[in-house]
Amino acid sequence: MFALSLLLAPFDRVLAAPAEDAIDPSPDIPAIFAASPAKPPLPYRQPVVGPVVKRTTWDWSDVDLWTTAFLPDPERFPFDFDLPDEERWIRVDLSDQILIAYEREKPVRAFIISSGLPRTPTVTGEFRIRMKVRSQLMAGGDPGLNNDYYLPNVEWVQYFYEDYGFHGTYWHKDFGRPKSHGCINMTNADAKWLFDWAGPAWEDVSVWQASTEENPGTLVIVEE
């Protein structure tokens, strides 16, 4: 698969190209979660986006800078459904472990992701982002089954169906293959870009940003 071959290639290759719509940063699986409004926002370092983004190693000290972003070739990622009547929309291809952000019919940026494992698959269908939170604790699973987790300060979270959402990831770097409890794992920099780009627009709320009729969530299409 394209995504997996890109992931397994040596990391001295180009992983991203300039994006015409680059924007400035803004503030701010089943799971048991709790927001942490009393904690100050974590420091954010601007991801490197330019003619090329080149990385020879995954340095854990630069976890906020990791990116898998690239500009997708429309001919390489055709879709066999009607073009959504949306200004912006998100497509998640679970087979290729790719997320593509579209403006109308134009793909503007793509990312390599990690979706749900076979025992905790990511839902498929059409959804809308319904809730955002800048950072939160994620915990759940069953210690008896050795699948429990406790992950504080998960950043750039966007829920699109029940407890399924997009979010940053600092505990693994295995992008390009299923890895999660159902959510879409992205690097922190990639999740930050999507958080800023997708609706509902962040209005500098204290904790949660919900979608409304006046501030709707972006359409999300998840397919196998």
N, C-alpha and C. Protein backbone atom coordinates (compact mmCIF):
# COMPACT_ATOMS: atom_id res chain seq x y z
N MET A 1 0.85 -1.20 0.00
CA MET A 1 0.00 0.00 0.00
C MET A 1 0.88 1.24 0.00
N PHE A 2 0.35 2.33 -0.56
CA PHE A 2 1.13 3.56 -0.67
C PHE A 2 1.58 4.06 0.68
N ALA A 3 0.62 4.14 1.64
CA ALA A 3 0.95 4.72 2.94
C ALA A 3 2.02 3.92 3.65
N LEU A 4 1.87 2.60 3.61
CA LEU A 4 2.81 1.76 4.33
C LEU A 4 4.19 1.83 3.70
N SER A 5 4.24 1.86 2.37
CA SER A 5 5.54 1.96 1.72
C SER A 5 6.21 3.28 2.03
N LEU A 6 5.42 4.35 2.15
CA LEU A 6 5.98 5.65 2.52
C LEU A 6 6.52 5.61 3.93
N LEU A 7 5.76 4.96 4.83
CA LEU A 7 6.18 4.91 6.23
C LEU A 7 7.46 4.11 6.40
N LEU A 8 7.57 2.98 5.70
CA LEU A 8 8.70 2.10 5.91
C LEU A 8 9.95 2.52 5.16
N ALA A 9 9.82 3.51 4.28
CA ALA A 9 10.99 4.00 3.55
C ALA A 9 11.90 4.74 4.52
N PRO A 10 13.18 4.86 4.19
CA PRO A 10 14.11 5.60 5.07
C PRO A 10 13.62 7.03 5.26
N PHE A 11 13.83 7.57 6.45
CA PHE A 11 13.31 8.88 6.76
C PHE A 11 14.26 9.99 6.32
N ASP A 12 15.03 9.75 5.26
CA ASP A 12 15.81 10.82 4.67
C ASP A 12 15.16 11.28 3.37
N ARG A 13 13.86 11.03 3.26
CA ARG A 13 13.13 11.40 2.06
C ARG A 13 12.17 12.53 2.36
N VAL A 14 11.60 13.10 1.34
CA VAL A 14 10.65 14.18 1.51
C VAL A 14 9.35 13.62 2.06
N LEU A 15 8.87 14.16 3.15
CA LEU A 15 7.60 13.75 3.72
C LEU A 15 6.53 14.81 3.52
N ALA A 16 6.91 16.01 3.12
CA ALA A 16 5.91 17.04 2.95
C ALA A 16 6.39 18.03 1.92
N ALA A 17 5.45 18.74 1.32
CA ALA A 17 5.75 19.77 0.35
C ALA A 17 4.97 21.01 0.74
N PRO A 18 5.25 22.18 0.13
CA PRO A 18 4.55 23.39 0.54
C PRO A 18 3.05 23.27 0.29
N ALA A 19 2.28 23.81 1.17
CA ALA A 19 0.83 23.81 1.02
C ALA A 19 0.37 25.22 0.76
N GLU A 20 -0.49 25.39 -0.24
CA GLU A 20 -0.93 26.72 -0.61
C GLU A 20 -1.77 27.36 0.49
N ASP A 21 -2.40 26.53 1.31
CA ASP A 21 -3.35 27.05 2.28
C ASP A 21 -2.79 27.01 3.69
N ALA A 22 -1.48 27.02 3.84
CA ALA A 22 -0.89 26.96 5.18
C ALA A 22 -1.42 28.10 6.03
N ILE A 23 -1.77 27.79 7.27
CA ILE A 23 -2.37 28.78 8.15
C ILE A 23 -1.54 28.93 9.40
N ASP A 24 -1.72 30.05 10.07
CA ASP A 24 -1.01 30.29 11.31
C ASP A 24 -1.66 29.49 12.42
N PRO A 25 -0.89 29.08 13.43
CA PRO A 25 -1.48 28.32 14.53
C PRO A 25 -2.43 29.18 15.34
N SER A 26 -3.43 28.55 15.93
CA SER A 26 -4.36 29.25 16.80
C SER A 26 -4.33 28.59 18.17
N PRO A 27 -4.84 29.27 19.25
CA PRO A 27 -4.79 28.68 20.58
C PRO A 27 -5.51 27.34 20.67
N ASP A 28 -5.22 27.37 21.84
CA ASP A 28 -5.74 26.09 21.87
C ASP A 28 -6.00 25.74 20.46
N ILE A 29 -11.77 4.03 22.35
CA ILE A 29 -11.84 4.25 21.97
C ILE A 29 -12.91 3.83 22.83
N PRO A 30 -13.31 3.29 22.62
CA PRO A 30 -14.05 3.71 23.78
C PRO A 30 -13.09 4.30 24.83
N ALA A 31 -13.49 5.31 25.55
CA ALA A 31 -12.56 5.96 26.45
C ALA A 31 -13.31 6.57 27.62
N ILE A 32 -12.63 6.63 28.76
CA ILE A 32 -13.11 7.38 29.90
C ILE A 32 -12.25 8.62 29.92
N PHE A 33 -12.86 9.79 29.74
CA PHE A 33 -12.02 10.96 29.60
C PHE A 33 -12.43 12.05 30.57
N ALA A 34 -11.49 12.90 30.86
CA ALA A 34 -11.75 14.04 31.73
C ALA A 34 -10.93 15.20 31.23
N ALA A 35 -11.55 16.34 31.06
CA ALA A 35 -10.82 17.53 30.64
C ALA A 35 -10.00 18.05 31.81
N SER A 36 -8.99 18.83 31.50
CA SER A 36 -8.14 19.37 32.56
C SER A 36 -8.06 20.88 32.41
N PRO A 37 -9.17 21.61 32.67
CA PRO A 37 -9.18 23.05 32.43
C PRO A 37 -8.23 23.83 33.30
N ALA A 38 -7.85 23.28 34.46
CA ALA A 38 -6.98 24.03 35.36
C ALA A 38 -5.54 24.06 34.87
N LYS A 39 -5.20 23.15 33.98
CA LYS A 39 -3.82 23.09 33.51
C LYS A 39 -3.61 24.12 32.40
N PRO A 40 -2.48 24.81 32.42
CA PRO A 40 -2.21 25.77 31.34
C PRO A 40 -1.97 25.03 30.04
N PRO A 41 -2.22 25.69 28.89
CA PRO A 41 -1.94 25.03 27.61
C PRO A 41 -0.48 24.64 27.51
N LEU A 42 -0.24 23.49 26.92
CA LEU A 42 1.14 23.06 26.73
C LEU A 42 1.82 23.93 25.69
N PRO A 43 3.13 24.12 25.80
CA PRO A 43 3.83 24.92 24.79
C PRO A 43 3.73 24.25 23.43
N TYR A 44 3.58 25.06 22.40
CA TYR A 44 3.48 24.54 21.04
C TYR A 44 4.59 25.12 20.19
N ARG A 45 5.25 24.26 19.44
CA ARG A 45 6.31 24.71 18.55
C ARG A 45 5.83 24.54 17.12
N GLN A 46 5.95 25.61 16.34
CA GLN A 46 5.45 25.60 14.97
C GLN A 46 6.08 24.46 14.16
N PRO A 47 5.25 23.59 13.53
CA PRO A 47 5.83 22.54 12.69
C PRO A 47 6.53 23.13 11.49
N VAL A 48 7.55 22.45 11.03
CA VAL A 48 8.32 22.92 9.88
C VAL A 48 7.58 22.54 8.61
N VAL A 49 7.11 23.53 7.86
CA VAL A 49 6.45 23.28 6.59
C VAL A 49 7.10 24.19 5.57
N GLY A 50 7.69 23.64 4.55
CA GLY A 50 8.37 24.44 3.54
C GLY A 50 8.50 23.64 2.27
N PRO A 51 9.45 24.01 1.44
CA PRO A 51 9.62 23.25 0.19
C PRO A 51 9.78 21.76 0.43
N VAL A 52 10.48 21.40 1.50
CA VAL A 52 10.54 20.00 1.90
C VAL A 52 10.57 19.96 3.41
N VAL A 53 10.04 18.90 3.96
CA VAL A 53 10.23 18.61 5.38
C VAL A 53 11.02 17.32 5.42
N LYS A 54 12.22 17.38 5.93
CA LYS A 54 13.16 16.27 5.84
C LYS A 54 13.55 15.85 7.25
N ARG A 55 13.41 14.58 7.54
CA ARG A 55 13.76 14.10 8.87
C ARG A 55 14.48 12.77 8.74
N THR A 56 15.63 12.67 9.34
CA THR A 56 16.39 11.43 9.24
C THR A 56 16.16 10.54 10.45
N THR A 57 15.65 11.09 11.54
CA THR A 57 15.35 10.29 12.72
C THR A 57 14.06 10.79 13.34
N TRP A 58 13.42 9.93 14.14
CA TRP A 58 12.28 10.34 14.96
C TRP A 58 12.84 10.62 16.35
N ASP A 59 13.13 11.87 16.62
CA ASP A 59 13.71 12.28 17.90
C ASP A 59 12.57 12.59 18.86
N TRP A 60 12.49 11.85 19.97
CA TRP A 60 11.38 12.04 20.90
C TRP A 60 11.37 13.44 21.50
N SER A 61 12.51 14.12 21.54
CA SER A 61 12.52 15.49 22.07
C SER A 61 11.80 16.45 21.12
N ASP A 62 11.60 16.04 19.87
CA ASP A 62 10.92 16.87 18.89
C ASP A 62 9.53 16.34 18.57
N VAL A 63 8.89 15.67 19.53
CA VAL A 63 7.62 15.01 19.26
C VAL A 63 6.57 15.98 18.70
N ASP A 64 6.59 17.25 19.13
CA ASP A 64 5.61 18.22 18.64
C ASP A 64 5.90 18.67 17.21
N LEU A 65 7.06 18.31 16.68
CA LEU A 65 7.43 18.73 15.33
C LEU A 65 7.25 17.63 14.29
N TRP A 66 7.05 16.41 14.73
CA TRP A 66 6.90 15.33 13.76
C TRP A 66 5.74 15.62 12.82
N THR A 67 5.94 15.37 11.54
CA THR A 67 4.84 15.50 10.59
C THR A 67 4.96 14.45 9.51
N THR A 68 3.82 13.98 9.04
CA THR A 68 3.76 13.06 7.91
C THR A 68 3.12 13.76 6.72
N ALA A 69 2.93 15.06 6.79
CA ALA A 69 2.14 15.80 5.80
C ALA A 69 2.76 15.74 4.41
N PHE A 70 1.88 15.63 3.42
CA PHE A 70 2.32 15.71 2.03
C PHE A 70 1.16 16.23 1.19
N LEU A 71 1.47 16.67 -0.02
CA LEU A 71 0.44 17.12 -0.95
C LEU A 71 0.07 15.95 -1.85
N PRO A 72 -1.16 15.47 -1.75
CA PRO A 72 -1.54 14.27 -2.49
C PRO A 72 -1.81 14.54 -3.97
N ASP A 73 -1.50 13.56 -4.79
CA ASP A 73 -1.82 13.59 -6.20
C ASP A 73 -3.27 13.15 -6.36
N PRO A 74 -4.17 14.01 -6.87
CA PRO A 74 -5.58 13.63 -6.99
C PRO A 74 -5.79 12.35 -7.79
N GLU A 75 -4.96 12.11 -8.78
CA GLU A 75 -5.13 10.91 -9.60
C GLU A 75 -4.75 9.64 -8.85
N ARG A 76 -3.94 9.79 -7.83
CA ARG A 76 -3.52 8.62 -7.05
C ARG A 76 -4.53 8.28 -5.96
N PHE A 77 -5.38 9.23 -5.63
CA PHE A 77 -6.37 9.01 -4.57
C PHE A 77 -7.77 9.34 -5.09
N PRO A 78 -8.25 8.63 -6.11
CA PRO A 78 -9.61 8.90 -6.60
C PRO A 78 -10.64 8.42 -5.57
N PHE A 79 -11.84 8.95 -5.63
CA PHE A 79 -12.89 8.44 -4.76
C PHE A 79 -14.08 8.04 -5.62
N ASP A 80 -14.78 6.99 -5.19
CA ASP A 80 -15.86 6.42 -5.98
C ASP A 80 -17.23 6.80 -5.41
N PHE A 81 -17.32 7.99 -4.83
CA PHE A 81 -18.60 8.49 -4.33
C PHE A 81 -18.80 9.90 -4.84
N ASP A 82 -20.03 10.40 -4.74
CA ASP A 82 -20.33 11.74 -5.23
C ASP A 82 -19.57 12.78 -4.41
N LEU A 83 -19.10 13.79 -5.10
CA LEU A 83 -18.37 14.87 -4.42
C LEU A 83 -19.29 15.56 -3.42
N PRO A 84 -18.91 15.62 -2.16
CA PRO A 84 -19.77 16.30 -1.18
C PRO A 84 -19.94 17.78 -1.51
N ASP A 85 -21.11 18.29 -1.23
CA ASP A 85 -21.38 19.71 -1.45
C ASP A 85 -20.92 20.49 -0.23
N GLU A 86 -19.62 20.48 -0.02
CA GLU A 86 -19.03 21.10 1.16
C GLU A 86 -17.82 21.93 0.75
N GLU A 87 -17.64 23.06 1.41
CA GLU A 87 -16.45 23.87 1.16
C GLU A 87 -15.19 23.14 1.61
N ARG A 88 -15.29 22.50 2.79
CA ARG A 88 -14.18 21.70 3.32
C ARG A 88 -14.72 20.37 3.82
N TRP A 89 -13.95 19.32 3.60
CA TRP A 89 -14.35 18.01 4.12
C TRP A 89 -13.12 17.14 4.28
N ILE A 90 -13.27 16.09 5.08
CA ILE A 90 -12.16 15.21 5.45
C ILE A 90 -12.48 13.80 5.01
N ARG A 91 -11.51 13.18 4.38
CA ARG A 91 -11.65 11.78 3.95
C ARG A 91 -10.61 10.94 4.67
N VAL A 92 -11.04 9.84 5.27
CA VAL A 92 -10.13 8.91 5.93
C VAL A 92 -10.20 7.58 5.19
N ASP A 93 -9.09 7.15 4.64
CA ASP A 93 -8.99 5.87 3.93
C ASP A 93 -8.29 4.88 4.84
N LEU A 94 -9.07 3.96 5.42
CA LEU A 94 -8.50 3.03 6.39
C LEU A 94 -7.60 2.00 5.72
N SER A 95 -7.87 1.65 4.47
CA SER A 95 -7.04 0.67 3.78
C SER A 95 -5.62 1.19 3.58
N ASP A 96 -5.50 2.46 3.22
CA ASP A 96 -4.19 3.05 2.99
C ASP A 96 -3.67 3.81 4.21
N GLN A 97 -4.48 3.91 5.29
CA GLN A 97 -4.08 4.64 6.49
C GLN A 97 -3.67 6.08 6.14
N ILE A 98 -4.57 6.71 5.39
CA ILE A 98 -4.34 8.08 4.92
C ILE A 98 -5.54 8.94 5.29
N LEU A 99 -5.28 10.17 5.71
CA LEU A 99 -6.31 11.19 5.89
C LEU A 99 -6.03 12.31 4.89
N ILE A 100 -7.06 12.72 4.15
CA ILE A 100 -6.91 13.78 3.16
C ILE A 100 -7.90 14.89 3.48
N ALA A 101 -7.42 16.12 3.53
CA ALA A 101 -8.26 17.30 3.71
C ALA A 101 -8.55 17.90 2.33
N TYR A 102 -9.83 18.13 2.06
CA TYR A 102 -10.25 18.66 0.76
C TYR A 102 -10.89 20.03 0.90
N GLU A 103 -10.70 20.85 -0.09
CA GLU A 103 -11.49 22.06 -0.29
C GLU A 103 -12.19 21.90 -1.63
N ARG A 104 -13.51 21.64 -1.55
CA ARG A 104 -14.27 21.19 -2.72
C ARG A 104 -13.63 19.91 -3.25
N GLU A 105 -13.29 19.90 -4.54
CA GLU A 105 -12.70 18.69 -5.12
C GLU A 105 -11.18 18.64 -5.01
N LYS A 106 -10.58 19.68 -4.44
CA LYS A 106 -9.12 19.79 -4.41
C LYS A 106 -8.56 19.25 -3.09
N PRO A 107 -7.70 18.23 -3.14
CA PRO A 107 -7.01 17.79 -1.92
C PRO A 107 -5.91 18.78 -1.57
N VAL A 108 -5.96 19.34 -0.37
CA VAL A 108 -5.01 20.38 0.00
C VAL A 108 -3.88 19.88 0.90
N ARG A 109 -4.12 18.80 1.62
CA ARG A 109 -3.06 18.22 2.44
C ARG A 109 -3.47 16.82 2.85
N ALA A 110 -2.49 15.96 3.01
CA ALA A 110 -2.76 14.58 3.43
C ALA A 110 -1.78 14.18 4.52
N PHE A 111 -2.19 13.20 5.31
CA PHE A 111 -1.38 12.75 6.44
C PHE A 111 -1.45 11.23 6.55
N ILE A 112 -0.39 10.64 7.05
CA ILE A 112 -0.40 9.22 7.39
C ILE A 112 -0.91 9.09 8.82
N ILE A 113 -1.81 8.15 9.04
CA ILE A 113 -2.48 8.01 10.33
C ILE A 113 -2.30 6.60 10.88
N SER A 114 -2.80 6.40 12.08
CA SER A 114 -2.98 5.06 12.64
C SER A 114 -4.42 4.97 13.13
N SER A 115 -5.17 4.05 12.55
CA SER A 115 -6.57 3.87 12.93
C SER A 115 -6.70 2.73 13.93
N GLY A 116 -7.93 2.27 14.16
CA GLY A 116 -8.18 1.25 15.16
C GLY A 116 -7.65 -0.13 14.78
N LEU A 117 -7.22 -0.86 15.79
CA LEU A 117 -6.79 -2.24 15.61
C LEU A 117 -7.99 -3.12 15.25
N PRO A 118 -7.75 -4.33 14.73
CA PRO A 118 -8.87 -5.20 14.36
C PRO A 118 -9.86 -5.45 15.50
N ARG A 119 -9.37 -5.54 16.73
CA ARG A 119 -10.28 -5.80 17.86
C ARG A 119 -10.99 -4.53 18.34
N THR A 120 -10.50 -3.37 17.91
CA THR A 120 -11.13 -2.09 18.26
C THR A 120 -11.16 -1.21 17.01
N PRO A 121 -11.94 -1.60 16.00
CA PRO A 121 -11.88 -0.91 14.71
C PRO A 121 -12.46 0.49 14.75
N THR A 122 -11.98 1.31 13.82
CA THR A 122 -12.54 2.65 13.62
C THR A 122 -13.87 2.53 12.89
N VAL A 123 -14.85 3.31 13.28
CA VAL A 123 -16.15 3.29 12.62
C VAL A 123 -16.01 3.83 11.19
N THR A 124 -16.88 3.38 10.32
CA THR A 124 -16.93 3.88 8.95
C THR A 124 -18.27 4.55 8.70
N GLY A 125 -18.30 5.46 7.74
CA GLY A 125 -19.54 6.16 7.41
C GLY A 125 -19.30 7.64 7.25
N GLU A 126 -20.39 8.40 7.26
CA GLU A 126 -20.33 9.85 7.14
C GLU A 126 -20.69 10.48 8.48
N PHE A 127 -19.88 11.41 8.93
CA PHE A 127 -20.06 12.04 10.23
C PHE A 127 -19.73 13.52 10.12
N ARG A 128 -19.87 14.22 11.23
CA ARG A 128 -19.41 15.60 11.33
C ARG A 128 -18.67 15.77 12.65
N ILE A 129 -17.64 16.59 12.63
CA ILE A 129 -16.96 16.90 13.88
C ILE A 129 -17.96 17.58 14.80
N ARG A 130 -18.13 17.04 15.98
CA ARG A 130 -19.16 17.53 16.89
C ARG A 130 -18.60 18.24 18.12
N MET A 131 -17.34 17.97 18.44
CA MET A 131 -16.76 18.53 19.66
C MET A 131 -15.25 18.59 19.53
N LYS A 132 -14.67 19.66 20.09
CA LYS A 132 -13.22 19.82 20.13
C LYS A 132 -12.78 20.12 21.55
N VAL A 133 -11.57 19.68 21.87
CA VAL A 133 -10.96 20.07 23.13
C VAL A 133 -9.46 20.17 22.91
N ARG A 134 -8.86 21.16 23.50
CA ARG A 134 -7.44 21.45 23.28
C ARG A 134 -6.53 20.35 23.82
N SER A 135 -6.86 19.83 24.99
CA SER A 135 -6.03 18.80 25.61
C SER A 135 -6.87 18.08 26.65
N GLN A 136 -6.68 16.77 26.79
CA GLN A 136 -7.45 16.02 27.78
C GLN A 136 -6.76 14.72 28.14
N LEU A 137 -7.24 14.14 29.25
CA LEU A 137 -6.82 12.80 29.65
C LEU A 137 -7.66 11.78 28.91
N MET A 138 -7.01 10.73 28.40
CA MET A 138 -7.72 9.59 27.83
C MET A 138 -7.30 8.35 28.59
N ALA A 139 -8.28 7.59 29.08
CA ALA A 139 -7.98 6.37 29.84
C ALA A 139 -9.09 5.37 29.61
N GLY A 140 -8.77 4.10 29.66
CA GLY A 140 -9.78 3.07 29.47
C GLY A 140 -9.14 1.72 29.28
N GLY A 141 -9.89 0.81 28.70
CA GLY A 141 -9.40 -0.54 28.48
C GLY A 141 -9.56 -1.41 29.71
N ASP A 142 -9.07 -2.64 29.62
CA ASP A 142 -9.21 -3.64 30.67
C ASP A 142 -7.83 -4.18 31.03
N PRO A 143 -7.36 -3.91 32.27
CA PRO A 143 -6.05 -4.44 32.65
C PRO A 143 -5.96 -5.96 32.52
N GLY A 144 -7.09 -6.64 32.74
CA GLY A 144 -7.09 -8.10 32.64
C GLY A 144 -6.84 -8.59 31.23
N LEU A 145 -7.16 -7.77 30.26
CA LEU A 145 -6.94 -8.12 28.86
C LEU A 145 -5.68 -7.48 28.31
N ASN A 146 -4.96 -6.80 29.19
CA ASN A 146 -3.70 -6.15 28.81
C ASN A 146 -3.90 -5.12 27.70
N ASN A 147 -5.04 -4.42 27.74
CA ASN A 147 -5.28 -3.37 26.74
C ASN A 147 -5.67 -2.05 27.38
N ASP A 148 -5.31 -1.90 28.67
CA ASP A 148 -5.64 -0.66 29.36
C ASP A 148 -4.64 0.43 28.99
N TYR A 149 -5.07 1.67 29.14
CA TYR A 149 -4.20 2.80 28.81
C TYR A 149 -4.56 3.98 29.69
N TYR A 150 -3.58 4.84 29.93
CA TYR A 150 -3.76 6.07 30.71
C TYR A 150 -2.86 7.11 30.06
N LEU A 151 -3.46 8.04 29.34
CA LEU A 151 -2.72 8.98 28.50
C LEU A 151 -3.11 10.41 28.84
N PRO A 152 -2.37 11.08 29.71
CA PRO A 152 -2.68 12.47 30.03
C PRO A 152 -2.25 13.40 28.91
N ASN A 153 -2.91 14.55 28.86
CA ASN A 153 -2.53 15.63 27.94
C ASN A 153 -2.48 15.20 26.47
N VAL A 154 -3.51 14.50 26.04
CA VAL A 154 -3.65 14.20 24.62
C VAL A 154 -4.16 15.48 23.95
N GLU A 155 -3.45 15.93 22.93
CA GLU A 155 -3.72 17.25 22.36
C GLU A 155 -4.52 17.20 21.06
N TRP A 156 -5.16 18.35 20.77
CA TRP A 156 -5.82 18.61 19.48
C TRP A 156 -6.87 17.54 19.16
N VAL A 157 -7.81 17.37 20.10
CA VAL A 157 -8.82 16.31 20.00
C VAL A 157 -10.07 16.83 19.30
N GLN A 158 -10.56 16.06 18.32
CA GLN A 158 -11.79 16.41 17.60
C GLN A 158 -12.65 15.15 17.47
N TYR A 159 -13.80 15.13 18.15
CA TYR A 159 -14.69 13.97 18.11
C TYR A 159 -15.67 14.11 16.96
N PHE A 160 -15.84 13.00 16.21
CA PHE A 160 -16.80 13.02 15.11
C PHE A 160 -17.93 12.01 15.29
N TYR A 161 -17.77 11.02 16.18
CA TYR A 161 -18.84 10.07 16.47
C TYR A 161 -18.57 9.44 17.83
N GLU A 162 -19.50 9.68 18.77
CA GLU A 162 -19.34 9.16 20.12
C GLU A 162 -17.91 9.44 20.61
N ASP A 163 -17.17 8.37 21.00
CA ASP A 163 -15.80 8.60 21.49
C ASP A 163 -14.75 8.44 20.41
N TYR A 164 -15.14 8.43 19.16
CA TYR A 164 -14.19 8.32 18.05
C TYR A 164 -13.81 9.71 17.57
N GLY A 165 -12.52 9.92 17.39
CA GLY A 165 -12.08 11.25 16.97
C GLY A 165 -10.67 11.24 16.43
N PHE A 166 -10.22 12.42 16.05
CA PHE A 166 -8.83 12.66 15.64
C PHE A 166 -8.09 13.24 16.84
N HIS A 167 -6.84 12.87 17.04
CA HIS A 167 -6.07 13.51 18.11
C HIS A 167 -4.58 13.30 17.89
N GLY A 168 -3.80 14.14 18.57
CA GLY A 168 -2.36 14.01 18.53
C GLY A 168 -1.89 12.77 19.28
N THR A 169 -0.65 12.38 19.02
CA THR A 169 -0.10 11.14 19.58
C THR A 169 1.36 11.37 19.96
N TYR A 170 1.70 11.06 21.21
CA TYR A 170 3.09 11.21 21.65
C TYR A 170 3.66 9.89 22.16
N TRP A 171 2.86 8.81 22.18
CA TRP A 171 3.29 7.56 22.79
C TRP A 171 3.71 6.51 21.76
N HIS A 172 3.58 6.78 20.48
CA HIS A 172 4.10 5.85 19.48
C HIS A 172 4.40 6.62 18.20
N LYS A 173 5.11 5.98 17.30
CA LYS A 173 5.45 6.58 16.01
C LYS A 173 5.17 5.62 14.86
N ASP A 174 4.28 4.67 15.10
CA ASP A 174 3.99 3.63 14.11
C ASP A 174 2.87 4.05 13.16
N PHE A 175 2.99 5.22 12.59
CA PHE A 175 1.97 5.71 11.68
C PHE A 175 2.04 4.94 10.35
N GLY A 176 0.86 4.67 9.79
CA GLY A 176 0.79 3.90 8.56
C GLY A 176 0.25 2.50 8.77
N ARG A 177 -0.11 2.17 10.01
CA ARG A 177 -0.69 0.86 10.31
C ARG A 177 -1.67 1.02 11.48
N PRO A 178 -2.69 0.18 11.57
CA PRO A 178 -3.64 0.27 12.69
C PRO A 178 -2.91 0.11 14.02
N LYS A 179 -3.31 0.96 14.97
CA LYS A 179 -2.57 0.97 16.24
C LYS A 179 -3.47 1.33 17.43
N SER A 180 -4.65 1.93 17.17
CA SER A 180 -5.40 2.59 18.23
C SER A 180 -6.56 1.76 18.76
N HIS A 181 -7.25 2.33 19.75
CA HIS A 181 -8.47 1.75 20.29
C HIS A 181 -9.70 2.19 19.50
N GLY A 182 -9.51 2.82 18.35
CA GLY A 182 -10.62 3.24 17.50
C GLY A 182 -10.49 4.64 16.97
N CYS A 183 -9.76 5.48 17.68
CA CYS A 183 -9.57 6.86 17.22
C CYS A 183 -8.56 6.90 16.07
N ILE A 184 -8.46 8.07 15.44
CA ILE A 184 -7.48 8.31 14.40
C ILE A 184 -6.27 8.98 15.03
N ASN A 185 -5.20 8.23 15.19
CA ASN A 185 -3.95 8.76 15.74
C ASN A 185 -3.22 9.55 14.66
N MET A 186 -2.73 10.75 15.03
CA MET A 186 -1.93 11.58 14.14
C MET A 186 -0.75 12.11 14.95
N THR A 187 0.29 12.59 14.27
CA THR A 187 1.33 13.28 15.02
C THR A 187 0.72 14.55 15.62
N ASN A 188 1.35 15.10 16.64
CA ASN A 188 0.81 16.32 17.25
C ASN A 188 0.74 17.46 16.25
N ALA A 189 1.77 17.63 15.43
CA ALA A 189 1.76 18.71 14.45
C ALA A 189 0.67 18.52 13.41
N ASP A 190 0.46 17.28 12.97
CA ASP A 190 -0.59 17.00 11.99
C ASP A 190 -1.97 17.22 12.59
N ALA A 191 -2.17 16.76 13.83
CA ALA A 191 -3.46 16.96 14.49
C ALA A 191 -3.73 18.44 14.74
N LYS A 192 -2.69 19.21 15.04
CA LYS A 192 -2.82 20.65 15.24
C LYS A 192 -3.28 21.33 13.95
N TRP A 193 -2.68 20.96 12.83
CA TRP A 193 -3.09 21.55 11.55
C TRP A 193 -4.56 21.26 11.28
N LEU A 194 -4.98 20.01 11.48
CA LEU A 194 -6.37 19.64 11.22
C LEU A 194 -7.31 20.35 12.18
N PHE A 195 -6.92 20.49 13.43
CA PHE A 195 -7.71 21.17 14.45
C PHE A 195 -7.98 22.61 14.02
N ASP A 196 -6.94 23.29 13.52
CA ASP A 196 -7.09 24.68 13.09
C ASP A 196 -7.90 24.80 11.80
N TRP A 197 -7.78 23.83 10.92
CA TRP A 197 -8.39 23.91 9.59
C TRP A 197 -9.86 23.54 9.60
N ALA A 198 -10.25 22.57 10.41
CA ALA A 198 -11.60 22.02 10.39
C ALA A 198 -12.53 22.76 11.33
N GLY A 199 -13.83 22.72 11.01
CA GLY A 199 -14.84 23.26 11.88
C GLY A 199 -15.32 22.22 12.89
N PRO A 200 -15.90 22.67 14.01
CA PRO A 200 -16.21 24.07 14.31
C PRO A 200 -14.95 24.89 14.61
N ALA A 201 -15.00 26.15 14.22
CA ALA A 201 -13.87 27.04 14.48
C ALA A 201 -13.67 27.20 15.98
N TRP A 202 -12.42 27.18 16.40
CA TRP A 202 -12.09 27.33 17.82
C TRP A 202 -12.32 28.77 18.24
N GLU A 203 -13.12 28.97 19.27
CA GLU A 203 -13.49 30.31 19.71
C GLU A 203 -12.87 30.66 21.04
N ASP A 204 -11.73 30.03 21.35
CA ASP A 204 -11.00 30.31 22.58
C ASP A 204 -11.87 30.07 23.81
N VAL A 205 -12.62 28.97 23.77
CA VAL A 205 -13.44 28.61 24.91
C VAL A 205 -12.56 28.01 25.99
N SER A 206 -13.11 27.90 27.21
CA SER A 206 -12.28 27.45 28.33
C SER A 206 -11.90 25.98 28.21
N VAL A 207 -12.82 25.13 27.75
CA VAL A 207 -12.53 23.71 27.66
C VAL A 207 -13.01 23.12 26.34
N TRP A 208 -14.34 23.00 26.18
CA TRP A 208 -14.92 22.31 25.04
C TRP A 208 -15.47 23.28 24.01
N GLN A 209 -15.27 22.95 22.75
CA GLN A 209 -15.87 23.70 21.65
C GLN A 209 -16.84 22.77 20.93
N ALA A 210 -18.13 23.04 21.05
CA ALA A 210 -19.14 22.21 20.40
C ALA A 210 -19.52 22.80 19.05
N SER A 211 -19.93 21.95 18.13
CA SER A 211 -20.44 22.43 16.85
C SER A 211 -21.86 22.96 17.05
N THR A 212 -22.20 23.97 16.31
CA THR A 212 -23.53 24.57 16.36
C THR A 212 -23.98 24.85 14.94
N GLU A 213 -25.23 25.28 14.80
CA GLU A 213 -25.72 25.63 13.47
C GLU A 213 -24.93 26.79 12.90
N GLU A 214 -24.54 27.73 13.76
CA GLU A 214 -23.76 28.89 13.30
C GLU A 214 -22.28 28.56 13.13
N ASN A 215 -21.80 27.54 13.81
CA ASN A 215 -20.39 27.15 13.77
C ASN A 215 -20.32 25.63 13.58
N PRO A 216 -20.66 25.15 12.38
CA PRO A 216 -20.83 23.71 12.17
C PRO A 216 -19.51 22.94 12.10
N GLY A 217 -19.62 21.66 12.36
CA GLY A 217 -18.46 20.78 12.24
C GLY A 217 -18.24 20.35 10.80
N THR A 218 -16.99 20.10 10.48
CA THR A 218 -16.61 19.68 9.13
C THR A 218 -17.07 18.24 8.88
N LEU A 219 -17.50 17.98 7.64
CA LEU A 219 -17.90 16.64 7.23
C LEU A 219 -16.70 15.70 7.25
N VAL A 220 -16.92 14.49 7.77
CA VAL A 220 -15.89 13.45 7.83
C VAL A 220 -16.43 12.20 7.15
N ILE A 221 -15.71 11.68 6.17
CA ILE A 221 -16.07 10.44 5.50
C ILE A 221 -14.98 9.42 5.79
N VAL A 222 -15.35 8.34 6.48
CA VAL A 222 -14.41 7.28 6.82
C VAL A 222 -14.77 6.05 6.00
N GLU A 223 -13.82 5.54 5.22
CA GLU A 223 -14.08 4.40 4.34
C GLU A 223 -12.97 3.37 4.45
N GLU A 224 -13.31 2.13 4.12
CA GLU A 224 -12.32 1.06 4.10
C GLU A 224 -11.45 1.18 2.85
